[in-house]
Amino acid sequence: MIEKAAERNAQRGVKGESKRMRWLLGWVIIPGSLLGLLFAWGVHVGARHPDMWLARALSWMFG
């Protein structure tokens, strides 16, 4: 089955660079962007609402 997929990719002209780009997007860029956005959102909410119970709990635990 894997050999058939490799043959199909070779026939279509899928190159190693395309595979690397898909891997990079799937494992680095997209997850990194999601984690970065989540972190930035948390910083924004914590800065705008320092009196929230979650912000107080985190500042008590780590601050």
N, C-alpha and C. Protein backbone atom coordinates (compact mmCIF):
# COMPACT_ATOMS: atom_id res chain seq x y z
N MET A 1 0.82 -1.19 0.00
CA MET A 1 0.00 0.00 0.00
C MET A 1 0.87 1.26 0.00
N ILE A 2 1.90 1.26 0.83
CA ILE A 2 2.79 2.42 0.88
C ILE A 2 3.55 2.57 -0.43
N GLU A 3 3.91 1.41 -1.04
CA GLU A 3 4.62 1.46 -2.31
C GLU A 3 3.74 2.07 -3.40
N LYS A 4 2.45 1.73 -3.36
CA LYS A 4 1.53 2.28 -4.36
C LYS A 4 1.41 3.79 -4.20
N ALA A 5 1.34 4.26 -2.96
CA ALA A 5 1.25 5.70 -2.72
C ALA A 5 2.52 6.39 -3.18
N ALA A 6 3.66 5.78 -2.94
CA ALA A 6 4.93 6.36 -3.37
C ALA A 6 5.00 6.42 -4.89
N GLU A 7 4.50 5.36 -5.56
CA GLU A 7 4.49 5.36 -7.02
C GLU A 7 3.57 6.44 -7.57
N ARG A 8 2.40 6.60 -6.95
CA ARG A 8 1.48 7.64 -7.39
C ARG A 8 2.09 9.02 -7.22
N ASN A 9 2.74 9.24 -6.09
CA ASN A 9 3.38 10.54 -5.85
C ASN A 9 4.50 10.78 -6.86
N ALA A 10 5.24 9.74 -7.20
CA ALA A 10 6.31 9.89 -8.18
C ALA A 10 5.73 10.21 -9.55
N GLN A 11 4.60 9.59 -9.88
CA GLN A 11 3.98 9.85 -11.17
C GLN A 11 3.43 11.27 -11.22
N ARG A 12 2.90 11.76 -10.13
CA ARG A 12 2.35 13.11 -10.10
C ARG A 12 3.44 14.17 -10.04
N GLY A 13 4.63 13.78 -9.69
CA GLY A 13 5.72 14.74 -9.62
C GLY A 13 5.84 15.42 -8.27
N VAL A 14 5.36 14.77 -7.22
CA VAL A 14 5.48 15.33 -5.88
C VAL A 14 6.94 15.22 -5.47
N LYS A 15 7.51 16.37 -5.12
CA LYS A 15 8.93 16.40 -4.80
C LYS A 15 9.12 16.41 -3.29
N GLY A 16 10.35 16.17 -2.87
CA GLY A 16 10.68 16.17 -1.46
C GLY A 16 10.45 17.51 -0.81
N GLU A 17 10.63 18.58 -1.58
CA GLU A 17 10.41 19.93 -1.03
C GLU A 17 8.95 20.14 -0.67
N SER A 18 8.05 19.60 -1.46
CA SER A 18 6.62 19.71 -1.17
C SER A 18 6.28 18.95 0.10
N LYS A 19 6.90 17.79 0.28
CA LYS A 19 6.65 17.01 1.48
C LYS A 19 7.15 17.76 2.71
N ARG A 20 8.33 18.38 2.58
CA ARG A 20 8.87 19.14 3.70
C ARG A 20 7.99 20.33 4.04
N MET A 21 7.46 20.97 3.03
CA MET A 21 6.60 22.13 3.26
C MET A 21 5.31 21.71 3.96
N ARG A 22 4.73 20.59 3.55
CA ARG A 22 3.53 20.09 4.22
C ARG A 22 3.83 19.73 5.67
N TRP A 23 4.98 19.10 5.90
CA TRP A 23 5.37 18.75 7.27
C TRP A 23 5.56 20.01 8.10
N LEU A 24 6.24 20.99 7.52
CA LEU A 24 6.50 22.25 8.23
C LEU A 24 5.20 22.96 8.57
N LEU A 25 4.29 23.03 7.63
CA LEU A 25 2.99 23.66 7.90
C LEU A 25 2.20 22.89 8.94
N GLY A 26 2.17 21.58 8.84
CA GLY A 26 1.34 20.77 9.71
C GLY A 26 1.87 20.62 11.12
N TRP A 27 3.19 20.65 11.30
CA TRP A 27 3.77 20.40 12.61
C TRP A 27 4.41 21.61 13.26
N VAL A 28 4.68 22.67 12.50
CA VAL A 28 5.38 23.82 13.09
C VAL A 28 4.57 25.10 12.97
N ILE A 29 4.22 25.48 11.76
CA ILE A 29 3.63 26.80 11.52
C ILE A 29 2.21 26.90 12.09
N ILE A 30 1.34 25.97 11.73
CA ILE A 30 -0.05 26.05 12.19
C ILE A 30 -0.17 25.85 13.71
N PRO A 31 0.45 24.79 14.29
CA PRO A 31 0.36 24.67 15.75
C PRO A 31 1.04 25.84 16.48
N GLY A 32 2.17 26.31 15.94
CA GLY A 32 2.84 27.44 16.56
C GLY A 32 1.99 28.70 16.53
N SER A 33 1.30 28.91 15.43
CA SER A 33 0.41 30.07 15.32
C SER A 33 -0.74 29.96 16.31
N LEU A 34 -1.32 28.77 16.42
CA LEU A 34 -2.43 28.58 17.36
C LEU A 34 -1.98 28.80 18.80
N LEU A 35 -0.83 28.25 19.17
CA LEU A 35 -0.32 28.45 20.52
C LEU A 35 0.03 29.91 20.78
N GLY A 36 0.61 30.57 19.77
CA GLY A 36 0.93 31.99 19.92
C GLY A 36 -0.31 32.85 20.09
N LEU A 37 -1.34 32.56 19.32
CA LEU A 37 -2.60 33.30 19.46
C LEU A 37 -3.24 33.06 20.81
N LEU A 38 -3.21 31.82 21.27
CA LEU A 38 -3.77 31.50 22.58
C LEU A 38 -3.01 32.24 23.69
N PHE A 39 -1.69 32.27 23.59
CA PHE A 39 -0.87 32.98 24.57
C PHE A 39 -1.17 34.48 24.53
N ALA A 40 -1.21 35.05 23.33
CA ALA A 40 -1.48 36.49 23.19
C ALA A 40 -2.86 36.84 23.72
N TRP A 41 -3.85 35.98 23.47
CA TRP A 41 -5.19 36.22 23.98
C TRP A 41 -5.19 36.19 25.50
N GLY A 42 -4.46 35.26 26.08
CA GLY A 42 -4.38 35.18 27.53
C GLY A 42 -3.70 36.40 28.14
N VAL A 43 -2.66 36.89 27.49
CA VAL A 43 -1.99 38.10 27.96
C VAL A 43 -2.94 39.29 27.87
N HIS A 44 -3.66 39.38 26.77
CA HIS A 44 -4.61 40.49 26.58
C HIS A 44 -5.70 40.47 27.65
N VAL A 45 -6.29 39.30 27.88
CA VAL A 45 -7.36 39.19 28.87
C VAL A 45 -6.81 39.47 30.26
N GLY A 46 -5.64 38.97 30.58
CA GLY A 46 -5.04 39.21 31.88
C GLY A 46 -4.70 40.67 32.11
N ALA A 47 -4.28 41.36 31.06
CA ALA A 47 -3.94 42.78 31.19
C ALA A 47 -5.19 43.65 31.27
N ARG A 48 -6.22 43.27 30.55
CA ARG A 48 -7.45 44.08 30.53
C ARG A 48 -8.35 43.83 31.74
N HIS A 49 -8.27 42.64 32.29
CA HIS A 49 -9.14 42.27 33.41
C HIS A 49 -8.32 41.66 34.54
N PRO A 50 -7.49 42.46 35.21
CA PRO A 50 -6.64 41.88 36.26
C PRO A 50 -7.42 41.44 37.50
N ASP A 51 -8.68 41.85 37.60
CA ASP A 51 -9.47 41.48 38.78
C ASP A 51 -10.26 40.19 38.58
N MET A 52 -10.11 39.54 37.43
CA MET A 52 -10.79 38.26 37.21
C MET A 52 -10.22 37.19 38.13
N TRP A 53 -11.03 36.22 38.48
CA TRP A 53 -10.58 35.17 39.39
C TRP A 53 -9.42 34.38 38.81
N LEU A 54 -9.41 34.18 37.49
CA LEU A 54 -8.34 33.41 36.87
C LEU A 54 -7.02 34.18 36.92
N ALA A 55 -7.08 35.47 36.62
CA ALA A 55 -5.87 36.29 36.67
C ALA A 55 -5.33 36.37 38.09
N ARG A 56 -6.21 36.48 39.06
CA ARG A 56 -5.76 36.52 40.47
C ARG A 56 -5.15 35.19 40.89
N ALA A 57 -5.76 34.09 40.46
CA ALA A 57 -5.23 32.78 40.83
C ALA A 57 -3.84 32.56 40.22
N LEU A 58 -3.69 32.95 38.96
CA LEU A 58 -2.39 32.78 38.31
C LEU A 58 -1.32 33.68 38.93
N SER A 59 -1.69 34.91 39.25
CA SER A 59 -0.71 35.80 39.89
C SER A 59 -0.37 35.31 41.29
N TRP A 60 -1.31 34.68 41.98
CA TRP A 60 -1.03 34.12 43.29
C TRP A 60 -0.09 32.91 43.17
N MET A 61 -0.34 32.09 42.14
CA MET A 61 0.48 30.88 41.97
C MET A 61 1.88 31.20 41.46
N PHE A 62 1.99 32.11 40.49
CA PHE A 62 3.28 32.35 39.84
C PHE A 62 3.90 33.70 40.16
N GLY A 63 3.17 34.55 40.82
CA GLY A 63 3.63 35.92 40.97
C GLY A 63 4.26 36.21 42.25
